[in-house]
Amino acid sequence: MQVLKQLENYKKVWLNIWLNIWLNIWLNIWLNIWLNIWLNIWLSIWLNIWLSIWLGIWLGIWLGIWLGIWLGIWLGI
């Protein structure tokens, strides 16, 4: 009776180990791939859009101000 309980416990332990290993491997691979792809795509798109918009706006404003000031000084206006 004791041997059967031990065998049953060993089966549970091995099943637990194998499930743990396979789930760990597959979840790691798939989450790594999908998160890498989606984060890469979305971050590149959104960072590209927002950085281009904000840099365009701020560089336009600051370059306009500073060029206006310096050209005004140099041209004596």
PDB file of N, CA and C in Angstrom:
ATOM      1  N   MET A   1       0.829  -1.201   0.000  1.00  0.00           N
ATOM      2  CA  MET A   1       0.000   0.000   0.000  1.00  0.00           C
ATOM      3  C   MET A   1       0.870   1.261   0.000  1.00  0.00           C
ATOM      4  N   GLN A   2       1.880   1.211   0.837  1.00  0.00           N
ATOM      5  CA  GLN A   2       2.807   2.348   0.910  1.00  0.00           C
ATOM      6  C   GLN A   2       3.531   2.561  -0.420  1.00  0.00           C
ATOM      7  N   VAL A   3       3.880   1.453  -1.082  1.00  0.00           N
ATOM      8  CA  VAL A   3       4.598   1.541  -2.356  1.00  0.00           C
ATOM      9  C   VAL A   3       3.714   2.190  -3.417  1.00  0.00           C
ATOM     10  N   LEU A   4       2.431   1.835  -3.431  1.00  0.00           N
ATOM     11  CA  LEU A   4       1.512   2.426  -4.403  1.00  0.00           C
ATOM     12  C   LEU A   4       1.368   3.934  -4.186  1.00  0.00           C
ATOM     13  N   LYS A   5       1.303   4.347  -2.931  1.00  0.00           N
ATOM     14  CA  LYS A   5       1.211   5.779  -2.645  1.00  0.00           C
ATOM     15  C   LYS A   5       2.471   6.501  -3.105  1.00  0.00           C
ATOM     16  N   GLN A   6       3.616   5.859  -2.869  1.00  0.00           N
ATOM     17  CA  GLN A   6       4.870   6.481  -3.294  1.00  0.00           C
ATOM     18  C   GLN A   6       4.941   6.578  -4.815  1.00  0.00           C
ATOM     19  N   LEU A   7       4.496   5.504  -5.504  1.00  0.00           N
ATOM     20  CA  LEU A   7       4.497   5.543  -6.968  1.00  0.00           C
ATOM     21  C   LEU A   7       3.566   6.636  -7.484  1.00  0.00           C
ATOM     22  N   GLU A   8       2.431   6.755  -6.841  1.00  0.00           N
ATOM     23  CA  GLU A   8       1.492   7.791  -7.256  1.00  0.00           C
ATOM     24  C   GLU A   8       2.082   9.183  -7.017  1.00  0.00           C
ATOM     25  N   ASN A   9       2.764   9.343  -5.907  1.00  0.00           N
ATOM     26  CA  ASN A   9       3.425  10.616  -5.632  1.00  0.00           C
ATOM     27  C   ASN A   9       4.526  10.895  -6.650  1.00  0.00           C
ATOM     28  N   TYR A  10       5.288   9.859  -7.020  1.00  0.00           N
ATOM     29  CA  TYR A  10       6.338  10.046  -8.025  1.00  0.00           C
ATOM     30  C   TYR A  10       5.745  10.457  -9.370  1.00  0.00           C
ATOM     31  N   LYS A  11       4.602   9.829  -9.718  1.00  0.00           N
ATOM     32  CA  LYS A  11       3.941  10.208 -10.973  1.00  0.00           C
ATOM     33  C   LYS A  11       3.541  11.681 -10.943  1.00  0.00           C
ATOM     34  N   LYS A  12       2.972  12.102  -9.820  1.00  0.00           N
ATOM     35  CA  LYS A  12       2.560  13.502  -9.700  1.00  0.00           C
ATOM     36  C   LYS A  12       3.765  14.434  -9.781  1.00  0.00           C
ATOM     37  N   VAL A  13       4.840  14.041  -9.132  1.00  0.00           N
ATOM     38  CA  VAL A  13       6.037  14.881  -9.142  1.00  0.00           C
ATOM     39  C   VAL A  13       6.594  14.997 -10.552  1.00  0.00           C
ATOM     40  N   TRP A  14       6.703  13.857 -11.262  1.00  0.00           N
ATOM     41  CA  TRP A  14       7.251  13.904 -12.616  1.00  0.00           C
ATOM     42  C   TRP A  14       6.341  14.656 -13.576  1.00  0.00           C
ATOM     43  N   LEU A  15       5.035  14.452 -13.421  1.00  0.00           N
ATOM     44  CA  LEU A  15       4.095  15.199 -14.247  1.00  0.00           C
ATOM     45  C   LEU A  15       4.225  16.703 -13.981  1.00  0.00           C
ATOM     46  N   ASN A  16       4.359  17.032 -12.712  1.00  0.00           N
ATOM     47  CA  ASN A  16       4.527  18.425 -12.330  1.00  0.00           C
ATOM     48  C   ASN A  16       5.814  18.999 -12.925  1.00  0.00           C
ATOM     49  N   ILE A  17       6.886  18.233 -12.851  1.00  0.00           N
ATOM     50  CA  ILE A  17       8.172  18.695 -13.391  1.00  0.00           C
ATOM     51  C   ILE A  17       8.079  18.894 -14.895  1.00  0.00           C
ATOM     52  N   TRP A  18       7.532  17.904 -15.614  1.00  0.00           N
ATOM     53  CA  TRP A  18       7.454  18.016 -17.070  1.00  0.00           C
ATOM     54  C   TRP A  18       6.532  19.143 -17.510  1.00  0.00           C
ATOM     55  N   LEU A  19       5.386  19.264 -16.836  1.00  0.00           N
ATOM     56  CA  LEU A  19       4.490  20.378 -17.171  1.00  0.00           C
ATOM     57  C   LEU A  19       5.168  21.715 -16.909  1.00  0.00           C
ATOM     58  N   ASN A  20       5.875  21.778 -15.801  1.00  0.00           N
ATOM     59  CA  ASN A  20       6.576  23.006 -15.456  1.00  0.00           C
ATOM     60  C   ASN A  20       7.617  23.347 -16.512  1.00  0.00           C
ATOM     61  N   ILE A  21       8.397  22.357 -16.912  1.00  0.00           N
ATOM     62  CA  ILE A  21       9.443  22.590 -17.911  1.00  0.00           C
ATOM     63  C   ILE A  21       8.836  23.011 -19.243  1.00  0.00           C
ATOM     64  N   TRP A  22       7.862  22.247 -19.738  1.00  0.00           N
ATOM     65  CA  TRP A  22       7.297  22.557 -21.049  1.00  0.00           C
ATOM     66  C   TRP A  22       6.540  23.869 -21.068  1.00  0.00           C
ATOM     67  N   LEU A  23       5.748  24.120 -20.021  1.00  0.00           N
ATOM     68  CA  LEU A  23       5.043  25.407 -19.976  1.00  0.00           C
ATOM     69  C   LEU A  23       6.030  26.558 -19.884  1.00  0.00           C
ATOM     70  N   ASN A  24       7.083  26.349 -19.109  1.00  0.00           N
ATOM     71  CA  ASN A  24       8.091  27.388 -18.975  1.00  0.00           C
ATOM     72  C   ASN A  24       8.748  27.670 -20.320  1.00  0.00           C
ATOM     73  N   ILE A  25       9.134  26.611 -21.010  1.00  0.00           N
ATOM     74  CA  ILE A  25       9.800  26.783 -22.306  1.00  0.00           C
ATOM     75  C   ILE A  25       8.868  27.441 -23.312  1.00  0.00           C
ATOM     76  N   TRP A  26       7.659  26.893 -23.476  1.00  0.00           N
ATOM     77  CA  TRP A  26       6.760  27.413 -24.501  1.00  0.00           C
ATOM     78  C   TRP A  26       6.263  28.812 -24.195  1.00  0.00           C
ATOM     79  N   LEU A  27       5.907  29.048 -22.933  1.00  0.00           N
ATOM     80  CA  LEU A  27       5.470  30.403 -22.589  1.00  0.00           C
ATOM     81  C   LEU A  27       6.609  31.393 -22.756  1.00  0.00           C
ATOM     82  N   ASN A  28       7.808  30.964 -22.386  1.00  0.00           N
ATOM     83  CA  ASN A  28       8.960  31.840 -22.537  1.00  0.00           C
ATOM     84  C   ASN A  28       9.191  32.172 -24.005  1.00  0.00           C
ATOM     85  N   ILE A  29       9.171  31.152 -24.842  1.00  0.00           N
ATOM     86  CA  ILE A  29       9.408  31.370 -26.272  1.00  0.00           C
ATOM     87  C   ILE A  29       8.316  32.246 -26.877  1.00  0.00           C
ATOM     88  N   TRP A  30       7.055  31.874 -26.674  1.00  0.00           N
ATOM     89  CA  TRP A  30       5.971  32.599 -27.326  1.00  0.00           C
ATOM     90  C   TRP A  30       5.799  34.003 -26.788  1.00  0.00           C
ATOM     91  N   LEU A  31       5.883  34.145 -25.456  1.00  0.00           N
ATOM     92  CA  LEU A  31       5.766  35.496 -24.913  1.00  0.00           C
ATOM     93  C   LEU A  31       6.933  36.358 -25.360  1.00  0.00           C
ATOM     94  N   ASN A  32       8.115  35.759 -25.412  1.00  0.00           N
ATOM     95  CA  ASN A  32       9.286  36.504 -25.855  1.00  0.00           C
ATOM     96  C   ASN A  32       9.109  36.960 -27.297  1.00  0.00           C
ATOM     97  N   ILE A  33       8.686  36.039 -28.153  1.00  0.00           N
ATOM     98  CA  ILE A  33       8.514  36.381 -29.565  1.00  0.00           C
ATOM     99  C   ILE A  33       7.427  37.434 -29.741  1.00  0.00           C
ATOM    100  N   TRP A  34       6.247  37.187 -29.179  1.00  0.00           N
ATOM    101  CA  TRP A  34       5.130  38.095 -29.418  1.00  0.00           C
ATOM    102  C   TRP A  34       5.326  39.447 -28.762  1.00  0.00           C
ATOM    103  N   LEU A  35       5.825  39.433 -27.514  1.00  0.00           N
ATOM    104  CA  LEU A  35       6.063  40.727 -26.873  1.00  0.00           C
ATOM    105  C   LEU A  35       7.150  41.491 -27.598  1.00  0.00           C
ATOM    106  N   ASN A  36       8.168  40.775 -28.054  1.00  0.00           N
ATOM    107  CA  ASN A  36       9.250  41.423 -28.784  1.00  0.00           C
ATOM    108  C   ASN A  36       8.717  42.040 -30.075  1.00  0.00           C
ATOM    109  N   ILE A  37       7.951  41.263 -30.820  1.00  0.00           N
ATOM    110  CA  ILE A  37       7.414  41.763 -32.089  1.00  0.00           C
ATOM    111  C   ILE A  37       6.471  42.943 -31.858  1.00  0.00           C
ATOM    112  N   TRP A  38       5.485  42.759 -30.982  1.00  0.00           N
ATOM    113  CA  TRP A  38       4.476  43.801 -30.811  1.00  0.00           C
ATOM    114  C   TRP A  38       5.031  45.047 -30.164  1.00  0.00           C
ATOM    115  N   LEU A  39       5.868  44.855 -29.131  1.00  0.00           N
ATOM    116  CA  LEU A  39       6.452  46.044 -28.508  1.00  0.00           C
ATOM    117  C   LEU A  39       7.367  46.761 -29.477  1.00  0.00           C
ATOM    118  N   ASN A  40       8.101  45.995 -30.267  1.00  0.00           N
ATOM    119  CA  ASN A  40       8.994  46.597 -31.248  1.00  0.00           C
ATOM    120  C   ASN A  40       8.192  47.397 -32.271  1.00  0.00           C
ATOM    121  N   ILE A  41       7.144  46.780 -32.801  1.00  0.00           N
ATOM    122  CA  ILE A  41       6.327  47.459 -33.813  1.00  0.00           C
ATOM    123  C   ILE A  41       5.656  48.696 -33.231  1.00  0.00           C
ATOM    124  N   TRP A  42       4.948  48.519 -32.120  1.00  0.00           N
ATOM    125  CA  TRP A  42       4.166  49.638 -31.587  1.00  0.00           C
ATOM    126  C   TRP A  42       5.043  50.740 -31.038  1.00  0.00           C
ATOM    127  N   LEU A  43       6.118  50.353 -30.342  1.00  0.00           N
ATOM    128  CA  LEU A  43       6.994  51.399 -29.817  1.00  0.00           C
ATOM    129  C   LEU A  43       7.685  52.146 -30.943  1.00  0.00           C
ATOM    130  N   SER A  44       8.087  51.416 -31.977  1.00  0.00           N
ATOM    131  CA  SER A  44       8.759  52.105 -33.084  1.00  0.00           C
ATOM    132  C   SER A  44       7.783  53.035 -33.803  1.00  0.00           C
ATOM    133  N   ILE A  45       6.552  52.566 -34.011  1.00  0.00           N
ATOM    134  CA  ILE A  45       5.561  53.412 -34.688  1.00  0.00           C
ATOM    135  C   ILE A  45       5.234  54.645 -33.843  1.00  0.00           C
ATOM    136  N   TRP A  46       4.871  54.415 -32.575  1.00  0.00           N
ATOM    137  CA  TRP A  46       4.428  55.538 -31.751  1.00  0.00           C
ATOM    138  C   TRP A  46       5.560  56.483 -31.407  1.00  0.00           C
ATOM    139  N   LEU A  47       6.729  55.921 -31.097  1.00  0.00           N
ATOM    140  CA  LEU A  47       7.853  56.812 -30.806  1.00  0.00           C
ATOM    141  C   LEU A  47       8.235  57.606 -32.038  1.00  0.00           C
ATOM    142  N   ASN A  48       8.186  56.959 -33.193  1.00  0.00           N
ATOM    143  CA  ASN A  48       8.507  57.652 -34.429  1.00  0.00           C
ATOM    144  C   ASN A  48       7.517  58.788 -34.675  1.00  0.00           C
ATOM    145  N   ILE A  49       6.237  58.488 -34.554  1.00  0.00           N
ATOM    146  CA  ILE A  49       5.212  59.511 -34.793  1.00  0.00           C
ATOM    147  C   ILE A  49       5.331  60.651 -33.791  1.00  0.00           C
ATOM    148  N   TRP A  50       5.361  60.304 -32.491  1.00  0.00           N
ATOM    149  CA  TRP A  50       5.347  61.353 -31.476  1.00  0.00           C
ATOM    150  C   TRP A  50       6.639  62.146 -31.442  1.00  0.00           C
ATOM    151  N   LEU A  51       7.762  61.444 -31.594  1.00  0.00           N
ATOM    152  CA  LEU A  51       9.020  62.189 -31.591  1.00  0.00           C
ATOM    153  C   LEU A  51       9.117  63.102 -32.801  1.00  0.00           C
ATOM    154  N   SER A  52       8.656  62.611 -33.944  1.00  0.00           N
ATOM    155  CA  SER A  52       8.724  63.472 -35.131  1.00  0.00           C
ATOM    156  C   SER A  52       7.795  64.673 -34.984  1.00  0.00           C
ATOM    157  N   ILE A  53       6.604  64.453 -34.444  1.00  0.00           N
ATOM    158  CA  ILE A  53       5.671  65.570 -34.253  1.00  0.00           C
ATOM    159  C   ILE A  53       6.234  66.581 -33.255  1.00  0.00           C
ATOM    160  N   TRP A  54       6.631  66.088 -32.067  1.00  0.00           N
ATOM    161  CA  TRP A  54       7.082  67.010 -31.027  1.00  0.00           C
ATOM    162  C   TRP A  54       8.406  67.662 -31.365  1.00  0.00           C
ATOM    163  N   LEU A  55       9.320  66.879 -31.938  1.00  0.00           N
ATOM    164  CA  LEU A  55      10.584  67.496 -32.336  1.00  0.00           C
ATOM    165  C   LEU A  55      10.359  68.511 -33.439  1.00  0.00           C
ATOM    166  N   GLY A  56       9.459  68.201 -34.361  1.00  0.00           N
ATOM    167  CA  GLY A  56       9.143  69.153 -35.417  1.00  0.00           C
ATOM    168  C   GLY A  56       8.568  70.436 -34.859  1.00  0.00           C
ATOM    169  N   ILE A  57       7.633  70.298 -33.938  1.00  0.00           N
ATOM    170  CA  ILE A  57       7.011  71.487 -33.346  1.00  0.00           C
ATOM    171  C   ILE A  57       8.035  72.301 -32.555  1.00  0.00           C
ATOM    172  N   TRP A  58       8.747  71.625 -31.634  1.00  0.00           N
ATOM    173  CA  TRP A  58       9.658  72.360 -30.760  1.00  0.00           C
ATOM    174  C   TRP A  58      10.863  72.903 -31.505  1.00  0.00           C
ATOM    175  N   LEU A  59      11.401  72.111 -32.424  1.00  0.00           N
ATOM    176  CA  LEU A  59      12.524  72.642 -33.204  1.00  0.00           C
ATOM    177  C   LEU A  59      12.063  73.806 -34.074  1.00  0.00           C
ATOM    178  N   GLY A  60      10.864  73.702 -34.626  1.00  0.00           N
ATOM    179  CA  GLY A  60      10.327  74.803 -35.421  1.00  0.00           C
ATOM    180  C   GLY A  60      10.168  76.060 -34.592  1.00  0.00           C
ATOM    181  N   ILE A  61       9.617  75.906 -33.393  1.00  0.00           N
ATOM    182  CA  ILE A  61       9.418  77.073 -32.523  1.00  0.00           C
ATOM    183  C   ILE A  61      10.759  77.678 -32.111  1.00  0.00           C
ATOM    184  N   TRP A  62      11.650  76.829 -31.578  1.00  0.00           N
ATOM    185  CA  TRP A  62      12.910  77.358 -31.054  1.00  0.00           C
ATOM    186  C   TRP A  62      13.824  77.873 -32.154  1.00  0.00           C
ATOM    187  N   LEU A  63      13.879  77.159 -33.264  1.00  0.00           N
ATOM    188  CA  LEU A  63      14.704  77.671 -34.360  1.00  0.00           C
ATOM    189  C   LEU A  63      14.126  78.970 -34.905  1.00  0.00           C
ATOM    190  N   GLY A  64      12.812  79.048 -34.973  1.00  0.00           N
ATOM    191  CA  GLY A  64      12.185  80.286 -35.425  1.00  0.00           C
ATOM    192  C   GLY A  64      12.503  81.443 -34.497  1.00  0.00           C
ATOM    193  N   ILE A  65      12.404  81.205 -33.191  1.00  0.00           N
ATOM    194  CA  ILE A  65      12.696  82.269 -32.220  1.00  0.00           C
ATOM    195  C   ILE A  65      14.163  82.691 -32.303  1.00  0.00           C
ATOM    196  N   TRP A  66      15.066  81.695 -32.235  1.00  0.00           N
ATOM    197  CA  TRP A  66      16.491  82.034 -32.201  1.00  0.00           C
ATOM    198  C   TRP A  66      16.983  82.601 -33.523  1.00  0.00           C
ATOM    199  N   LEU A  67      16.503  82.041 -34.608  1.00  0.00           N
ATOM    200  CA  LEU A  67      16.900  82.624 -35.895  1.00  0.00           C
ATOM    201  C   LEU A  67      16.345  84.035 -36.046  1.00  0.00           C
ATOM    202  N   GLY A  68      15.132  84.249 -35.565  1.00  0.00           N
ATOM    203  CA  GLY A  68      14.559  85.593 -35.605  1.00  0.00           C
ATOM    204  C   GLY A  68      15.375  86.570 -34.779  1.00  0.00           C
ATOM    205  N   ILE A  69      15.758  86.150 -33.575  1.00  0.00           N
ATOM    206  CA  ILE A  69      16.562  87.021 -32.709  1.00  0.00           C
ATOM    207  C   ILE A  69      17.913  87.318 -33.345  1.00  0.00           C
ATOM    208  N   TRP A  70      18.623  86.249 -33.777  1.00  0.00           N
ATOM    209  CA  TRP A  70      19.979  86.454 -34.299  1.00  0.00           C
ATOM    210  C   TRP A  70      19.985  87.188 -35.635  1.00  0.00           C
ATOM    211  N   LEU A  71      19.036  86.869 -36.477  1.00  0.00           N
ATOM    212  CA  LEU A  71      18.961  87.620 -37.734  1.00  0.00           C
ATOM    213  C   LEU A  71      18.587  89.076 -37.474  1.00  0.00           C
ATOM    214  N   GLY A  72      17.723  89.290 -36.492  1.00  0.00           N
ATOM    215  CA  GLY A  72      17.370  90.663 -36.124  1.00  0.00           C
ATOM    216  C   GLY A  72      18.577  91.421 -35.610  1.00  0.00           C
ATOM    217  N   ILE A  73      19.386  90.746 -34.782  1.00  0.00           N
ATOM    218  CA  ILE A  73      20.586  91.402 -34.254  1.00  0.00           C
ATOM    219  C   ILE A  73      21.578  91.678 -35.378  1.00  0.00           C
ATOM    220  N   TRP A  74      21.839  90.646 -36.205  1.00  0.00           N
ATOM    221  CA  TRP A  74      22.867  90.800 -37.243  1.00  0.00           C
ATOM    222  C   TRP A  74      22.439  91.757 -38.348  1.00  0.00           C
ATOM    223  N   LEU A  75      21.169  91.747 -38.668  1.00  0.00           N
ATOM    224  CA  LEU A  75      20.718  92.655 -39.727  1.00  0.00           C
ATOM    225  C   LEU A  75      20.382  94.038 -39.182  1.00  0.00           C
ATOM    226  N   GLY A  76      20.394  94.140 -37.863  1.00  0.00           N
ATOM    227  CA  GLY A  76      20.167  95.436 -37.237  1.00  0.00           C
ATOM    228  C   GLY A  76      18.732  95.902 -37.298  1.00  0.00           C
ATOM    229  N   ILE A  77      17.816  94.934 -37.351  1.00  0.00           N
ATOM    230  CA  ILE A  77      16.400  95.307 -37.420  1.00  0.00           C
ATOM    231  C   ILE A  77      15.859  95.468 -36.002  1.00  0.00           C
TER     232      ILE A  77
END
